[in-house]
Amino acid sequence: MTIAIIAGFCVLLLVLAFLAPKLSTYFERAGDKPLSLGQRAGSEAPGRLGRWLQKPFSSGRKAVHKSGSTGRKERAKSPL
């Protein structure tokens, strides 16, 4: 379920970054906040368990940042 939510948000952010690049940065930060909180909470666990618990959140953060930056980059390349 979490993967579907993150994937849907990434697609929405990609489209928004292409249509309104400046506005998309606010949405990117809004998506980053809960993922960073989850990553921080997961890292509190001891040892390898902490690394395993924070891994899905860090991957989600990377995906959100990548989709936002890709949309803005493609917008800069387009002739519009």
Protein backbone atom coordinates (compact mmCIF):
# COMPACT_ATOMS: atom_id res chain seq x y z
CA MET A 1 0.00 0.00 0.00
CA THR A 2 2.81 2.40 0.87
CA ILE A 3 4.54 1.70 -2.44
CA ALA A 4 1.38 2.54 -4.36
CA ILE A 5 0.96 5.81 -2.46
CA ILE A 6 4.56 6.86 -3.06
CA ALA A 7 4.37 5.87 -6.75
CA GLY A 8 1.14 7.83 -7.20
CA PHE A 9 2.62 10.86 -5.50
CA CYS A 10 5.72 10.63 -7.72
CA VAL A 11 3.59 10.58 -10.87
CA LEU A 12 1.54 13.53 -9.61
CA LEU A 13 4.71 15.42 -8.76
CA LEU A 14 6.25 14.66 -12.16
CA VAL A 15 3.21 16.10 -13.97
CA LEU A 16 3.06 19.09 -11.64
CA ALA A 17 6.79 19.76 -12.05
CA PHE A 18 6.35 19.79 -15.81
CA LEU A 19 3.34 22.12 -15.71
CA ALA A 20 4.30 24.43 -12.83
CA PRO A 21 8.00 24.08 -11.86
CA LYS A 22 8.04 26.66 -9.07
CA LEU A 23 4.90 25.30 -7.44
CA SER A 24 6.22 21.74 -7.55
CA THR A 25 9.02 22.50 -5.09
CA TYR A 26 6.45 23.13 -2.35
CA PHE A 27 4.75 19.82 -3.07
CA GLU A 28 8.10 18.06 -3.16
CA ARG A 29 8.93 19.38 0.30
CA ALA A 30 5.44 18.44 1.53
CA GLY A 31 6.01 14.87 0.37
CA ASP A 32 9.48 14.81 1.86
CA LYS A 33 8.41 15.72 5.40
CA PRO A 34 6.50 12.53 6.33
CA LEU A 35 9.11 10.35 4.65
CA SER A 36 11.93 12.01 6.56
CA LEU A 37 10.03 11.56 9.83
CA GLY A 38 9.56 7.87 9.07
CA GLN A 39 13.22 7.51 8.16
CA ARG A 40 14.29 9.20 11.36
CA ALA A 41 11.96 7.05 13.47
CA GLY A 42 13.17 3.87 11.75
CA SER A 43 16.79 4.73 12.36
CA GLU A 44 16.20 4.83 16.11
CA ALA A 45 16.03 1.03 16.22
CA PRO A 46 19.29 -0.65 17.24
CA GLY A 47 21.78 -2.14 14.79
CA ARG A 48 20.80 -3.61 11.46
CA LEU A 49 17.12 -3.37 12.28
CA GLY A 50 17.42 0.41 12.23
CA ARG A 51 18.98 0.36 8.77
CA TRP A 52 16.32 -2.03 7.49
CA LEU A 53 13.46 0.04 8.90
CA GLN A 54 14.70 3.32 7.43
CA LYS A 55 15.44 1.85 3.97
CA PRO A 56 11.90 2.10 2.47
CA PHE A 57 11.59 5.70 3.59
CA SER A 58 14.96 6.70 2.16
CA SER A 59 14.10 5.01 -1.15
CA GLY A 60 10.79 6.87 -1.19
CA ARG A 61 12.53 10.18 -0.57
CA LYS A 62 14.94 9.52 -3.43
CA ALA A 63 12.02 8.70 -5.74
CA VAL A 64 10.15 11.89 -4.80
CA HIS A 65 13.21 14.07 -5.38
CA LYS A 66 14.04 12.33 -8.64
CA SER A 67 10.54 12.69 -10.08
CA GLY A 68 10.39 16.38 -9.17
CA SER A 69 13.78 17.17 -10.62
CA THR A 70 13.08 15.14 -13.77
CA GLY A 71 9.84 17.04 -14.41
CA ARG A 72 11.56 20.40 -13.99
CA LYS A 73 14.47 19.31 -16.19
CA GLU A 74 12.15 18.15 -18.99
CA ARG A 75 10.18 21.38 -18.73
CA ALA A 76 13.40 23.35 -19.28
CA LYS A 77 14.15 21.27 -22.39
CA SER A 78 10.67 21.62 -23.91
CA PRO A 79 9.95 24.40 -26.41
CA LEU A 80 6.93 25.62 -24.41
